[in-house]
PDB file of N, CA and C in Angstrom:
ATOM      1  N   MET A   1    -130.983 -74.236   2.984  1.00  0.00           N
ATOM      2  CA  MET A   1    -131.728 -74.931   1.747  1.00  0.00           C
ATOM      3  C   MET A   1    -130.858 -74.783   0.487  1.00  0.00           C
ATOM      4  N   THR A   2    -130.554 -76.249   0.273  1.00  0.00           N
ATOM      5  CA  THR A   2    -129.843 -76.230  -0.960  1.00  0.00           C
ATOM      6  C   THR A   2    -130.840 -76.623  -1.892  1.00  0.00           C
ATOM      7  N   HIS A   3    -130.443 -76.631  -3.247  1.00  0.00           N
ATOM      8  CA  HIS A   3    -131.210 -76.735  -4.666  1.00  0.00           C
ATOM      9  C   HIS A   3    -130.352 -76.407  -5.681  1.00  0.00           C
ATOM     10  N   SER A   4    -130.905 -77.559  -6.739  1.00  0.00           N
ATOM     11  CA  SER A   4    -130.235 -78.249  -7.767  1.00  0.00           C
ATOM     12  C   SER A   4    -130.157 -76.458  -8.507  1.00  0.00           C
ATOM     13  N   LEU A   5    -129.481 -76.405  -9.444  1.00  0.00           N
ATOM     14  CA  LEU A   5    -129.286 -74.804  -9.676  1.00  0.00           C
ATOM     15  C   LEU A   5    -129.643 -75.550 -11.480  1.00  0.00           C
ATOM     16  N   VAL A   6    -129.586 -76.683 -12.236  1.00  0.00           N
ATOM     17  CA  VAL A   6    -129.820 -77.845 -12.959  1.00  0.00           C
ATOM     18  C   VAL A   6    -131.164 -77.864 -13.296  1.00  0.00           C
ATOM     19  N   CYS A   7    -132.107 -76.992 -14.486  1.00  0.00           N
ATOM     20  CA  CYS A   7    -132.856 -76.650 -14.740  1.00  0.00           C
ATOM     21  C   CYS A   7    -132.936 -77.713 -16.129  1.00  0.00           C
ATOM     22  N   PRO A   8    -134.406 -77.964 -16.782  1.00  0.00           N
ATOM     23  CA  PRO A   8    -134.722 -78.682 -18.220  1.00  0.00           C
ATOM     24  C   PRO A   8    -133.775 -77.397 -18.679  1.00  0.00           C
ATOM     25  N   GLU A   9    -133.555 -76.004 -18.742  1.00  0.00           N
ATOM     26  CA  GLU A   9    -133.300 -74.932 -19.881  1.00  0.00           C
ATOM     27  C   GLU A   9    -131.244 -75.657 -19.402  1.00  0.00           C
ATOM     28  N   THR A  10    -131.183 -76.349 -18.937  1.00  0.00           N
ATOM     29  CA  THR A  10    -129.429 -75.828 -18.821  1.00  0.00           C
ATOM     30  C   THR A  10    -128.469 -76.997 -19.854  1.00  0.00           C
ATOM     31  N   VAL A  11    -127.660 -76.591 -20.534  1.00  0.00           N
ATOM     32  CA  VAL A  11    -127.508 -77.467 -21.481  1.00  0.00           C
ATOM     33  C   VAL A  11    -126.537 -78.415 -21.114  1.00  0.00           C
ATOM     34  N   SER A  12    -126.129 -79.724 -21.077  1.00  0.00           N
ATOM     35  CA  SER A  12    -125.084 -80.547 -20.392  1.00  0.00           C
ATOM     36  C   SER A  12    -124.166 -81.235 -21.910  1.00  0.00           C
ATOM     37  N   ARG A  13    -122.940 -81.125 -21.820  1.00  0.00           N
ATOM     38  CA  ARG A  13    -121.938 -81.971 -22.566  1.00  0.00           C
ATOM     39  C   ARG A  13    -121.255 -82.449 -21.866  1.00  0.00           C
ATOM     40  N   VAL A  14    -120.557 -83.962 -22.226  1.00  0.00           N
ATOM     41  CA  VAL A  14    -119.398 -84.426 -21.926  1.00  0.00           C
ATOM     42  C   VAL A  14    -118.451 -84.920 -22.378  1.00  0.00           C
ATOM     43  N   SER A  15    -117.283 -85.455 -21.573  1.00  0.00           N
ATOM     44  CA  SER A  15    -116.458 -85.511 -22.887  1.00  0.00           C
ATOM     45  C   SER A  15    -116.517 -86.503 -23.554  1.00  0.00           C
ATOM     46  N   SER A  16    -116.869 -88.339 -23.042  1.00  0.00           N
ATOM     47  CA  SER A  16    -117.288 -89.207 -23.964  1.00  0.00           C
ATOM     48  C   SER A  16    -118.650 -89.952 -22.918  1.00  0.00           C
ATOM     49  N   VAL A  17    -119.097 -90.925 -23.957  1.00  0.00           N
ATOM     50  CA  VAL A  17    -119.571 -91.511 -22.841  1.00  0.00           C
ATOM     51  C   VAL A  17    -118.693 -93.562 -23.419  1.00  0.00           C
ATOM     52  N   LEU A  18    -119.477 -94.170 -22.297  1.00  0.00           N
ATOM     53  CA  LEU A  18    -118.595 -95.734 -22.376  1.00  0.00           C
ATOM     54  C   LEU A  18    -119.467 -96.008 -23.606  1.00  0.00           C
ATOM     55  N   ASN A  19    -118.199 -96.600 -24.187  1.00  0.00           N
ATOM     56  CA  ASN A  19    -118.700 -98.014 -25.601  1.00  0.00           C
ATOM     57  C   ASN A  19    -119.880 -96.615 -26.855  1.00  0.00           C
ATOM     58  N   ARG A  20    -119.617 -96.025 -26.286  1.00  0.00           N
ATOM     59  CA  ARG A  20    -120.939 -94.662 -27.415  1.00  0.00           C
ATOM     60  C   ARG A  20    -122.653 -95.064 -26.922  1.00  0.00           C
ATOM     61  N   ASN A  21    -122.754 -96.238 -25.797  1.00  0.00           N
ATOM     62  CA  ASN A  21    -124.225 -96.859 -25.720  1.00  0.00           C
ATOM     63  C   ASN A  21    -124.362 -95.412 -24.905  1.00  0.00           C
ATOM     64  N   THR A  22    -125.635 -93.926 -25.589  1.00  0.00           N
ATOM     65  CA  THR A  22    -126.029 -93.466 -24.728  1.00  0.00           C
ATOM     66  C   THR A  22    -127.078 -93.069 -24.031  1.00  0.00           C
ATOM     67  N   ARG A  23    -127.453 -94.874 -24.758  1.00  0.00           N
ATOM     68  CA  ARG A  23    -129.066 -94.960 -23.973  1.00  0.00           C
ATOM     69  C   ARG A  23    -128.767 -95.480 -22.434  1.00  0.00           C
ATOM     70  N   GLN A  24    -127.636 -96.601 -21.623  1.00  0.00           N
ATOM     71  CA  GLN A  24    -127.012 -96.756 -20.893  1.00  0.00           C
ATOM     72  C   GLN A  24    -126.398 -96.034 -20.226  1.00  0.00           C
ATOM     73  N   PHE A  25    -125.251 -95.057 -20.385  1.00  0.00           N
ATOM     74  CA  PHE A  25    -124.503 -94.677 -19.738  1.00  0.00           C
ATOM     75  C   PHE A  25    -124.870 -93.169 -20.225  1.00  0.00           C
ATOM     76  N   GLY A  26    -125.375 -92.465 -20.763  1.00  0.00           N
ATOM     77  CA  GLY A  26    -125.742 -90.983 -21.403  1.00  0.00           C
ATOM     78  C   GLY A  26    -125.416 -90.119 -20.210  1.00  0.00           C
ATOM     79  N   LYS A  27    -125.485 -89.362 -20.726  1.00  0.00           N
ATOM     80  CA  LYS A  27    -125.218 -87.419 -19.877  1.00  0.00           C
ATOM     81  C   LYS A  27    -126.701 -87.153 -19.270  1.00  0.00           C
ATOM     82  N   LYS A  28    -128.032 -88.218 -19.623  1.00  0.00           N
ATOM     83  CA  LYS A  28    -129.121 -88.021 -18.660  1.00  0.00           C
ATOM     84  C   LYS A  28    -128.918 -88.632 -17.899  1.00  0.00           C
ATOM     85  N   HIS A  29    -128.177 -89.433 -17.947  1.00  0.00           N
ATOM     86  CA  HIS A  29    -128.262 -90.186 -16.315  1.00  0.00           C
ATOM     87  C   HIS A  29    -127.291 -89.453 -15.353  1.00  0.00           C
ATOM     88  N   LEU A  30    -126.954 -88.071 -15.179  1.00  0.00           N
ATOM     89  CA  LEU A  30    -125.957 -87.490 -14.815  1.00  0.00           C
ATOM     90  C   LEU A  30    -126.854 -86.630 -13.535  1.00  0.00           C
ATOM     91  N   PHE A  31    -128.316 -86.368 -14.169  1.00  0.00           N
ATOM     92  CA  PHE A  31    -129.418 -85.254 -12.730  1.00  0.00           C
ATOM     93  C   PHE A  31    -130.639 -86.276 -13.076  1.00  0.00           C
ATOM     94  N   ASP A  32    -130.471 -87.545 -13.229  1.00  0.00           N
ATOM     95  CA  ASP A  32    -131.477 -87.927 -13.094  1.00  0.00           C
ATOM     96  C   ASP A  32    -132.248 -88.249 -11.745  1.00  0.00           C
ATOM     97  N   GLN A  33    -132.015 -88.601 -10.835  1.00  0.00           N
ATOM     98  CA  GLN A  33    -131.687 -89.002  -9.218  1.00  0.00           C
ATOM     99  C   GLN A  33    -132.454 -90.207  -9.280  1.00  0.00           C
ATOM    100  N   ASP A  34    -131.730 -91.492  -9.265  1.00  0.00           N
ATOM    101  CA  ASP A  34    -131.918 -92.335  -9.743  1.00  0.00           C
ATOM    102  C   ASP A  34    -130.259 -92.960  -9.549  1.00  0.00           C
ATOM    103  N   GLU A  35    -130.427 -93.887  -8.562  1.00  0.00           N
ATOM    104  CA  GLU A  35    -129.069 -94.647  -8.326  1.00  0.00           C
ATOM    105  C   GLU A  35    -128.580 -95.642  -8.464  1.00  0.00           C
ATOM    106  N   GLU A  36    -128.717 -95.850  -9.411  1.00  0.00           N
ATOM    107  CA  GLU A  36    -129.059 -96.942 -10.296  1.00  0.00           C
ATOM    108  C   GLU A  36    -128.465 -96.368 -11.413  1.00  0.00           C
ATOM    109  N   THR A  37    -128.886 -95.702 -12.152  1.00  0.00           N
ATOM    110  CA  THR A  37    -127.941 -95.287 -12.935  1.00  0.00           C
ATOM    111  C   THR A  37    -126.844 -94.077 -12.499  1.00  0.00           C
ATOM    112  N   CYS A  38    -125.556 -93.540 -14.111  1.00  0.00           N
ATOM    113  CA  CYS A  38    -124.956 -93.045 -13.990  1.00  0.00           C
ATOM    114  C   CYS A  38    -125.127 -92.326 -15.676  1.00  0.00           C
ATOM    115  N   TRP A  39    -124.129 -91.096 -15.565  1.00  0.00           N
ATOM    116  CA  TRP A  39    -123.153 -91.307 -16.393  1.00  0.00           C
ATOM    117  C   TRP A  39    -121.822 -92.202 -16.015  1.00  0.00           C
ATOM    118  N   ASN A  40    -120.841 -92.275 -17.348  1.00  0.00           N
ATOM    119  CA  ASN A  40    -120.442 -93.314 -17.222  1.00  0.00           C
ATOM    120  C   ASN A  40    -119.544 -93.362 -18.895  1.00  0.00           C
ATOM    121  N   SER A  41    -118.120 -92.305 -18.628  1.00  0.00           N
ATOM    122  CA  SER A  41    -117.458 -91.835 -19.151  1.00  0.00           C
ATOM    123  C   SER A  41    -116.472 -92.919 -20.691  1.00  0.00           C
ATOM    124  N   ASP A  42    -115.486 -93.308 -21.239  1.00  0.00           N
ATOM    125  CA  ASP A  42    -114.580 -94.066 -21.764  1.00  0.00           C
ATOM    126  C   ASP A  42    -112.966 -93.349 -20.694  1.00  0.00           C
ATOM    127  N   GLN A  43    -112.302 -94.476 -20.952  1.00  0.00           N
ATOM    128  CA  GLN A  43    -111.764 -94.874 -20.411  1.00  0.00           C
ATOM    129  C   GLN A  43    -110.610 -93.558 -20.954  1.00  0.00           C
ATOM    130  N   GLY A  44    -109.733 -92.733 -19.675  1.00  0.00           N
ATOM    131  CA  GLY A  44    -108.925 -91.792 -20.827  1.00  0.00           C
ATOM    132  C   GLY A  44    -108.620 -90.908 -19.734  1.00  0.00           C
ATOM    133  N   PRO A  45    -107.532 -89.743 -19.187  1.00  0.00           N
ATOM    134  CA  PRO A  45    -106.547 -89.202 -18.568  1.00  0.00           C
ATOM    135  C   PRO A  45    -107.680 -88.371 -18.146  1.00  0.00           C
ATOM    136  N   SER A  46    -108.221 -87.778 -19.458  1.00  0.00           N
ATOM    137  CA  SER A  46    -109.272 -86.341 -18.759  1.00  0.00           C
ATOM    138  C   SER A  46    -110.989 -86.408 -19.249  1.00  0.00           C
ATOM    139  N   GLN A  47    -111.043 -86.469 -18.438  1.00  0.00           N
ATOM    140  CA  GLN A  47    -113.031 -87.081 -18.731  1.00  0.00           C
ATOM    141  C   GLN A  47    -113.646 -85.506 -17.750  1.00  0.00           C
ATOM    142  N   TRP A  48    -114.777 -84.594 -18.579  1.00  0.00           N
ATOM    143  CA  TRP A  48    -115.586 -83.631 -17.935  1.00  0.00           C
ATOM    144  C   TRP A  48    -116.573 -83.599 -18.612  1.00  0.00           C
ATOM    145  N   VAL A  49    -117.752 -83.083 -17.436  1.00  0.00           N
ATOM    146  CA  VAL A  49    -118.454 -82.749 -17.823  1.00  0.00           C
ATOM    147  C   VAL A  49    -119.105 -80.983 -18.305  1.00  0.00           C
ATOM    148  N   ILE A  50    -120.050 -80.510 -18.626  1.00  0.00           N
ATOM    149  CA  ILE A  50    -119.720 -78.717 -19.425  1.00  0.00           C
ATOM    150  C   ILE A  50    -121.310 -78.995 -18.545  1.00  0.00           C
ATOM    151  N   LEU A  51    -121.805 -77.678 -17.695  1.00  0.00           N
ATOM    152  CA  LEU A  51    -123.320 -77.947 -17.405  1.00  0.00           C
ATOM    153  C   LEU A  51    -123.094 -75.854 -18.242  1.00  0.00           C
ATOM    154  N   GLU A  52    -124.146 -75.774 -19.087  1.00  0.00           N
ATOM    155  CA  GLU A  52    -124.377 -73.973 -19.561  1.00  0.00           C
ATOM    156  C   GLU A  52    -125.400 -73.650 -19.464  1.00  0.00           C
ATOM    157  N   PHE A  53    -125.644 -72.500 -18.180  1.00  0.00           N
ATOM    158  CA  PHE A  53    -126.833 -72.855 -17.192  1.00  0.00           C
ATOM    159  C   PHE A  53    -127.732 -71.631 -18.092  1.00  0.00           C
ATOM    160  N   PRO A  54    -128.844 -71.185 -18.355  1.00  0.00           N
ATOM    161  CA  PRO A  54    -129.860 -70.580 -18.721  1.00  0.00           C
ATOM    162  C   PRO A  54    -129.404 -68.881 -18.957  1.00  0.00           C
ATOM    163  N   GLN A  55    -129.264 -68.674 -17.461  1.00  0.00           N
ATOM    164  CA  GLN A  55    -129.269 -67.707 -16.996  1.00  0.00           C
ATOM    165  C   GLN A  55    -127.481 -67.551 -16.024  1.00  0.00           C
ATOM    166  N   ARG A  56    -127.427 -66.375 -15.333  1.00  0.00           N
ATOM    167  CA  ARG A  56    -126.196 -66.513 -13.961  1.00  0.00           C
ATOM    168  C   ARG A  56    -126.797 -67.257 -13.184  1.00  0.00           C
ATOM    169  N   ILE A  57    -126.351 -67.813 -12.377  1.00  0.00           N
ATOM    170  CA  ILE A  57    -125.949 -68.446 -11.409  1.00  0.00           C
ATOM    171  C   ILE A  57    -124.899 -67.759 -10.881  1.00  0.00           C
ATOM    172  N   CYS A  58    -125.181 -68.273  -9.050  1.00  0.00           N
ATOM    173  CA  CYS A  58    -123.795 -68.453  -7.959  1.00  0.00           C
ATOM    174  C   CYS A  58    -124.308 -69.626  -6.922  1.00  0.00           C
ATOM    175  N   VAL A  59    -123.130 -70.065  -7.281  1.00  0.00           N
ATOM    176  CA  VAL A  59    -122.949 -71.649  -6.725  1.00  0.00           C
ATOM    177  C   VAL A  59    -122.362 -71.419  -5.444  1.00  0.00           C
ATOM    178  N   SER A  60    -122.859 -72.413  -4.508  1.00  0.00           N
ATOM    179  CA  SER A  60    -122.363 -72.264  -3.024  1.00  0.00           C
ATOM    180  C   SER A  60    -122.015 -73.759  -2.830  1.00  0.00           C
ATOM    181  N   GLN A  61    -122.184 -74.494  -3.241  1.00  0.00           N
ATOM    182  CA  GLN A  61    -122.025 -75.731  -2.968  1.00  0.00           C
ATOM    183  C   GLN A  61    -121.941 -76.726  -4.779  1.00  0.00           C
ATOM    184  N   LEU A  62    -121.186 -77.190  -4.273  1.00  0.00           N
ATOM    185  CA  LEU A  62    -120.859 -78.499  -5.714  1.00  0.00           C
ATOM    186  C   LEU A  62    -120.983 -80.142  -4.564  1.00  0.00           C
ATOM    187  N   GLN A  63    -122.219 -81.085  -5.521  1.00  0.00           N
ATOM    188  CA  GLN A  63    -122.455 -81.909  -4.934  1.00  0.00           C
ATOM    189  C   GLN A  63    -122.043 -83.061  -5.875  1.00  0.00           C
ATOM    190  N   ILE A  64    -120.999 -83.844  -5.554  1.00  0.00           N
ATOM    191  CA  ILE A  64    -120.899 -85.404  -6.834  1.00  0.00           C
ATOM    192  C   ILE A  64    -121.324 -86.852  -6.508  1.00  0.00           C
ATOM    193  N   GLN A  65    -120.955 -87.307  -6.895  1.00  0.00           N
ATOM    194  CA  GLN A  65    -121.402 -88.811  -6.668  1.00  0.00           C
ATOM    195  C   GLN A  65    -120.744 -89.918  -7.497  1.00  0.00           C
ATOM    196  N   PHE A  66    -119.768 -90.342  -7.420  1.00  0.00           N
ATOM    197  CA  PHE A  66    -119.461 -91.233  -7.687  1.00  0.00           C
ATOM    198  C   PHE A  66    -120.029 -93.438  -7.771  1.00  0.00           C
ATOM    199  N   GLN A  67    -119.934 -93.919  -8.189  1.00  0.00           N
ATOM    200  CA  GLN A  67    -119.367 -95.418  -8.241  1.00  0.00           C
ATOM    201  C   GLN A  67    -118.330 -95.877  -7.238  1.00  0.00           C
ATOM    202  N   GLY A  68    -118.393 -96.682  -6.438  1.00  0.00           N
ATOM    203  CA  GLY A  68    -117.087 -96.439  -5.817  1.00  0.00           C
ATOM    204  C   GLY A  68    -116.452 -97.801  -6.991  1.00  0.00           C
ATOM    205  N   GLY A  69    -115.199 -97.500  -6.890  1.00  0.00           N
ATOM    206  CA  GLY A  69    -114.625 -97.974  -7.739  1.00  0.00           C
ATOM    207  C   GLY A  69    -113.858 -97.710  -9.077  1.00  0.00           C
ATOM    208  N   PHE A  70    -114.994 -96.127  -9.144  1.00  0.00           N
ATOM    209  CA  PHE A  70    -114.951 -95.449 -10.618  1.00  0.00           C
ATOM    210  C   PHE A  70    -114.375 -93.997 -10.375  1.00  0.00           C
ATOM    211  N   SER A  71    -114.281 -93.665  -9.062  1.00  0.00           N
ATOM    212  CA  SER A  71    -113.967 -91.571  -8.952  1.00  0.00           C
ATOM    213  C   SER A  71    -112.990 -92.065  -9.830  1.00  0.00           C
ATOM    214  N   SER A  72    -113.090 -90.249  -9.842  1.00  0.00           N
ATOM    215  CA  SER A  72    -111.416 -89.637 -10.482  1.00  0.00           C
ATOM    216  C   SER A  72    -110.636 -89.316  -9.282  1.00  0.00           C
ATOM    217  N   ARG A  73    -109.521 -89.555  -8.954  1.00  0.00           N
ATOM    218  CA  ARG A  73    -108.442 -89.183  -8.660  1.00  0.00           C
ATOM    219  C   ARG A  73    -108.771 -87.449  -7.791  1.00  0.00           C
ATOM    220  N   GLN A  74    -108.894 -86.693  -9.041  1.00  0.00           N
ATOM    221  CA  GLN A  74    -108.475 -84.873  -8.735  1.00  0.00           C
ATOM    222  C   GLN A  74    -109.578 -85.027  -9.813  1.00  0.00           C
ATOM    223  N   GLY A  75    -110.100 -83.006  -9.482  1.00  0.00           N
ATOM    224  CA  GLY A  75    -111.075 -82.789 -10.183  1.00  0.00           C
ATOM    225  C   GLY A  75    -110.913 -81.443 -10.081  1.00  0.00           C
ATOM    226  N   ARG A  76    -111.346 -80.904 -10.727  1.00  0.00           N
ATOM    227  CA  ARG A  76    -111.242 -79.360 -10.962  1.00  0.00           C
ATOM    228  C   ARG A  76    -112.912 -78.549 -11.247  1.00  0.00           C
ATOM    229  N   LEU A  77    -113.102 -77.574 -10.736  1.00  0.00           N
ATOM    230  CA  LEU A  77    -113.766 -76.544 -11.104  1.00  0.00           C
ATOM    231  C   LEU A  77    -113.479 -75.510 -11.788  1.00  0.00           C
ATOM    232  N   GLU A  78    -114.022 -75.111 -13.177  1.00  0.00           N
ATOM    233  CA  GLU A  78    -113.754 -74.306 -13.083  1.00  0.00           C
ATOM    234  C   GLU A  78    -114.920 -73.787 -13.821  1.00  0.00           C
ATOM    235  N   GLY A  79    -115.155 -72.008 -14.021  1.00  0.00           N
ATOM    236  CA  GLY A  79    -116.554 -71.235 -14.836  1.00  0.00           C
ATOM    237  C   GLY A  79    -115.622 -70.408 -15.675  1.00  0.00           C
ATOM    238  N   SER A  80    -117.294 -69.447 -16.157  1.00  0.00           N
ATOM    239  CA  SER A  80    -117.003 -68.901 -17.183  1.00  0.00           C
ATOM    240  C   SER A  80    -118.054 -67.698 -16.644  1.00  0.00           C
ATOM    241  N   GLN A  81    -117.887 -66.684 -17.612  1.00  0.00           N
ATOM    242  CA  GLN A  81    -119.238 -65.592 -17.858  1.00  0.00           C
ATOM    243  C   GLN A  81    -119.053 -65.225 -19.241  1.00  0.00           C
ATOM    244  N   GLY A  82    -120.829 -65.869 -20.094  1.00  0.00           N
ATOM    245  CA  GLY A  82    -120.472 -64.860 -21.741  1.00  0.00           C
ATOM    246  C   GLY A  82    -119.269 -66.128 -22.496  1.00  0.00           C
ATOM    247  N   SER A  83    -118.850 -65.757 -23.207  1.00  0.00           N
ATOM    248  CA  SER A  83    -117.633 -66.139 -23.946  1.00  0.00           C
ATOM    249  C   SER A  83    -116.434 -66.050 -23.500  1.00  0.00           C
ATOM    250  N   GLU A  84    -116.087 -65.784 -22.608  1.00  0.00           N
ATOM    251  CA  GLU A  84    -115.048 -65.896 -21.425  1.00  0.00           C
ATOM    252  C   GLU A  84    -114.856 -67.222 -21.396  1.00  0.00           C
ATOM    253  N   ALA A  85    -113.109 -67.510 -21.754  1.00  0.00           N
ATOM    254  CA  ALA A  85    -112.468 -68.715 -21.427  1.00  0.00           C
ATOM    255  C   ALA A  85    -112.049 -69.095 -19.963  1.00  0.00           C
ATOM    256  N   LEU A  86    -112.869 -70.534 -19.856  1.00  0.00           N
ATOM    257  CA  LEU A  86    -112.899 -70.738 -18.349  1.00  0.00           C
ATOM    258  C   LEU A  86    -111.584 -70.275 -17.870  1.00  0.00           C
ATOM    259  N   SER A  87    -111.860 -70.424 -16.219  1.00  0.00           N
ATOM    260  CA  SER A  87    -110.783 -70.077 -15.368  1.00  0.00           C
ATOM    261  C   SER A  87    -111.346 -70.975 -14.521  1.00  0.00           C
ATOM    262  N   LYS A  88    -109.583 -71.631 -13.835  1.00  0.00           N
ATOM    263  CA  LYS A  88    -109.750 -72.609 -13.055  1.00  0.00           C
ATOM    264  C   LYS A  88    -110.618 -71.744 -11.164  1.00  0.00           C
ATOM    265  N   ILE A  89    -111.381 -72.075 -10.386  1.00  0.00           N
ATOM    266  CA  ILE A  89    -111.735 -72.065  -9.456  1.00  0.00           C
ATOM    267  C   ILE A  89    -110.985 -72.630  -8.437  1.00  0.00           C
ATOM    268  N   VAL A  90    -111.107 -73.799  -8.018  1.00  0.00           N
ATOM    269  CA  VAL A  90    -110.136 -74.638  -7.411  1.00  0.00           C
ATOM    270  C   VAL A  90    -110.474 -76.149  -7.634  1.00  0.00           C
ATOM    271  N   ASP A  91    -109.374 -76.839  -7.198  1.00  0.00           N
ATOM    272  CA  ASP A  91    -109.357 -78.175  -7.347  1.00  0.00           C
ATOM    273  C   ASP A  91    -109.979 -78.927  -6.412  1.00  0.00           C
ATOM    274  N   PHE A  92    -110.102 -79.613  -6.471  1.00  0.00           N
ATOM    275  CA  PHE A  92    -110.863 -80.863  -5.212  1.00  0.00           C
ATOM    276  C   PHE A  92    -110.285 -82.581  -5.782  1.00  0.00           C
ATOM    277  N   TYR A  93    -110.371 -83.306  -4.359  1.00  0.00           N
ATOM    278  CA  TYR A  93    -109.858 -85.474  -4.611  1.00  0.00           C
ATOM    279  C   TYR A  93    -110.881 -85.233  -3.846  1.00  0.00           C
ATOM    280  N   PRO A  94    -111.885 -86.289  -4.900  1.00  0.00           N
ATOM    281  CA  PRO A  94    -112.687 -86.760  -4.490  1.00  0.00           C
ATOM    282  C   PRO A  94    -112.366 -88.294  -3.383  1.00  0.00           C
ATOM    283  N   GLU A  95    -113.229 -88.898  -2.585  1.00  0.00           N
ATOM    284  CA  GLU A  95    -112.715 -90.281  -2.350  1.00  0.00           C
ATOM    285  C   GLU A  95    -113.245 -91.294  -2.919  1.00  0.00           C
ATOM    286  N   ASP A  96    -112.503 -92.602  -3.058  1.00  0.00           N
ATOM    287  CA  ASP A  96    -113.659 -93.384  -4.200  1.00  0.00           C
ATOM    288  C   ASP A  96    -114.357 -94.967  -3.509  1.00  0.00           C
ATOM    289  N   ASN A  97    -115.723 -94.029  -3.167  1.00  0.00           N
ATOM    290  CA  ASN A  97    -116.794 -94.493  -2.654  1.00  0.00           C
ATOM    291  C   ASN A  97    -117.875 -94.690  -2.870  1.00  0.00           C
ATOM    292  N   ASN A  98    -118.751 -94.766  -2.892  1.00  0.00           N
ATOM    293  CA  ASN A  98    -120.161 -94.545  -3.442  1.00  0.00           C
ATOM    294  C   ASN A  98    -120.807 -93.574  -2.452  1.00  0.00           C
ATOM    295  N   SER A  99    -120.394 -92.843  -2.348  1.00  0.00           N
ATOM    296  CA  SER A  99    -121.649 -91.944  -1.192  1.00  0.00           C
ATOM    297  C   SER A  99    -121.970 -90.076  -2.081  1.00  0.00           C
ATOM    298  N   LEU A 100    -121.944 -89.712  -1.701  1.00  0.00           N
ATOM    299  CA  LEU A 100    -122.633 -88.513  -1.809  1.00  0.00           C
ATOM    300  C   LEU A 100    -121.886 -87.087  -1.290  1.00  0.00           C
ATOM    301  N   GLN A 101    -121.079 -86.776  -2.731  1.00  0.00           N
ATOM    302  CA  GLN A 101    -119.926 -86.006  -1.697  1.00  0.00           C
ATOM    303  C   GLN A 101    -120.185 -84.662  -1.410  1.00  0.00           C
ATOM    304  N   ILE A 102    -120.125 -84.286  -0.808  1.00  0.00           N
ATOM    305  CA  ILE A 102    -120.752 -82.160  -0.689  1.00  0.00           C
ATOM    306  C   ILE A 102    -119.013 -81.270  -0.290  1.00  0.00           C
ATOM    307  N   SER A 103    -119.484 -80.591  -1.415  1.00  0.00           N
ATOM    308  CA  SER A 103    -117.853 -79.584  -0.495  1.00  0.00           C
ATOM    309  C   SER A 103    -118.774 -78.068  -0.743  1.00  0.00           C
ATOM    310  N   CYS A 104    -118.077 -77.070  -0.012  1.00  0.00           N
ATOM    311  CA  CYS A 104    -118.999 -75.855   0.113  1.00  0.00           C
ATOM    312  C   CYS A 104    -117.759 -75.064   0.002  1.00  0.00           C
ATOM    313  N   LEU A 105    -117.989 -74.155  -0.898  1.00  0.00           N
ATOM    314  CA  LEU A 105    -116.753 -73.619  -2.510  1.00  0.00           C
ATOM    315  C   LEU A 105    -116.774 -72.362  -1.876  1.00  0.00           C
ATOM    316  N   SER A 106    -117.588 -71.624  -0.245  1.00  0.00           N
ATOM    317  CA  SER A 106    -116.972 -70.141   0.819  1.00  0.00           C
ATOM    318  C   SER A 106    -115.937 -71.177   1.000  1.00  0.00           C
ATOM    319  N   LEU A 107    -115.865 -72.482   1.422  1.00  0.00           N
ATOM    320  CA  LEU A 107    -114.743 -72.869   2.042  1.00  0.00           C
ATOM    321  C   LEU A 107    -113.010 -72.371   1.911  1.00  0.00           C
ATOM    322  N   TRP A 108    -113.302 -72.535   0.138  1.00  0.00           N
ATOM    323  CA  TRP A 108    -112.024 -72.204  -0.849  1.00  0.00           C
ATOM    324  C   TRP A 108    -111.843 -71.274  -1.190  1.00  0.00           C
ATOM    325  N   VAL A 109    -113.144 -70.105  -1.617  1.00  0.00           N
ATOM    326  CA  VAL A 109    -113.138 -68.907  -2.304  1.00  0.00           C
ATOM    327  C   VAL A 109    -113.403 -67.571  -1.749  1.00  0.00           C
ATOM    328  N   GLY A 110    -114.059 -68.190  -0.111  1.00  0.00           N
ATOM    329  CA  GLY A 110    -114.635 -66.947   0.331  1.00  0.00           C
ATOM    330  C   GLY A 110    -115.763 -66.012  -0.143  1.00  0.00           C
ATOM    331  N   ARG A 111    -116.682 -66.938  -1.703  1.00  0.00           N
ATOM    332  CA  ARG A 111    -117.169 -65.511  -2.019  1.00  0.00           C
ATOM    333  C   ARG A 111    -118.583 -66.308  -2.388  1.00  0.00           C
ATOM    334  N   SER A 112    -119.675 -66.425  -3.225  1.00  0.00           N
ATOM    335  CA  SER A 112    -120.506 -67.294  -4.143  1.00  0.00           C
ATOM    336  C   SER A 112    -119.464 -66.601  -5.648  1.00  0.00           C
ATOM    337  N   VAL A 113    -119.432 -67.088  -6.000  1.00  0.00           N
ATOM    338  CA  VAL A 113    -118.933 -67.534  -7.528  1.00  0.00           C
ATOM    339  C   VAL A 113    -119.919 -67.933  -8.649  1.00  0.00           C
ATOM    340  N   PRO A 114    -119.779 -66.760  -9.792  1.00  0.00           N
ATOM    341  CA  PRO A 114    -120.574 -66.731 -10.827  1.00  0.00           C
ATOM    342  C   PRO A 114    -120.373 -67.662 -12.147  1.00  0.00           C
ATOM    343  N   LEU A 115    -121.248 -68.406 -12.048  1.00  0.00           N
ATOM    344  CA  LEU A 115    -120.563 -69.563 -13.066  1.00  0.00           C
ATOM    345  C   LEU A 115    -121.572 -69.749 -14.347  1.00  0.00           C
ATOM    346  N   LYS A 116    -120.483 -69.818 -15.224  1.00  0.00           N
ATOM    347  CA  LYS A 116    -121.704 -70.601 -16.339  1.00  0.00           C
ATOM    348  C   LYS A 116    -121.487 -71.912 -16.665  1.00  0.00           C
ATOM    349  N   ALA A 117    -119.595 -72.900 -16.854  1.00  0.00           N
ATOM    350  CA  ALA A 117    -120.083 -73.594 -17.238  1.00  0.00           C
ATOM    351  C   ALA A 117    -119.218 -74.273 -15.640  1.00  0.00           C
ATOM    352  N   VAL A 118    -119.881 -75.968 -15.325  1.00  0.00           N
ATOM    353  CA  VAL A 118    -118.939 -76.682 -14.426  1.00  0.00           C
ATOM    354  C   VAL A 118    -118.144 -77.835 -15.162  1.00  0.00           C
ATOM    355  N   PRO A 119    -116.406 -77.975 -15.440  1.00  0.00           N
ATOM    356  CA  PRO A 119    -116.529 -78.810 -15.668  1.00  0.00           C
ATOM    357  C   PRO A 119    -115.691 -79.935 -14.249  1.00  0.00           C
ATOM    358  N   TRP A 120    -115.602 -81.020 -14.776  1.00  0.00           N
ATOM    359  CA  TRP A 120    -114.306 -81.981 -13.807  1.00  0.00           C
ATOM    360  C   TRP A 120    -114.207 -83.075 -14.949  1.00  0.00           C
TER     361      TRP A 120
END
């Protein structure tokens, strides 16, 4: 059984918010479990989300969902421990649809991956 590693103590940061309208499109909508809301970034070639967990974690799955027509063409999962620089774990290529997309990291790296941050 999988469960979200995001908890109230998880710190999140995003690259941008559409028109700086954090009330309607802010990062709080990333994990609110409401399909009617979402984080919406401004336009640009590189948008990202960073999660800083309060303790060391092991990630086995990445689950993302885009609004249809607003998907990224390519994503990159990166991670680090402590103050280390982020390093690439894997690139992924999401589908441009509104369905939940699940990727199993064990298929990519063959082991659990300790992460501090997850940008894409």
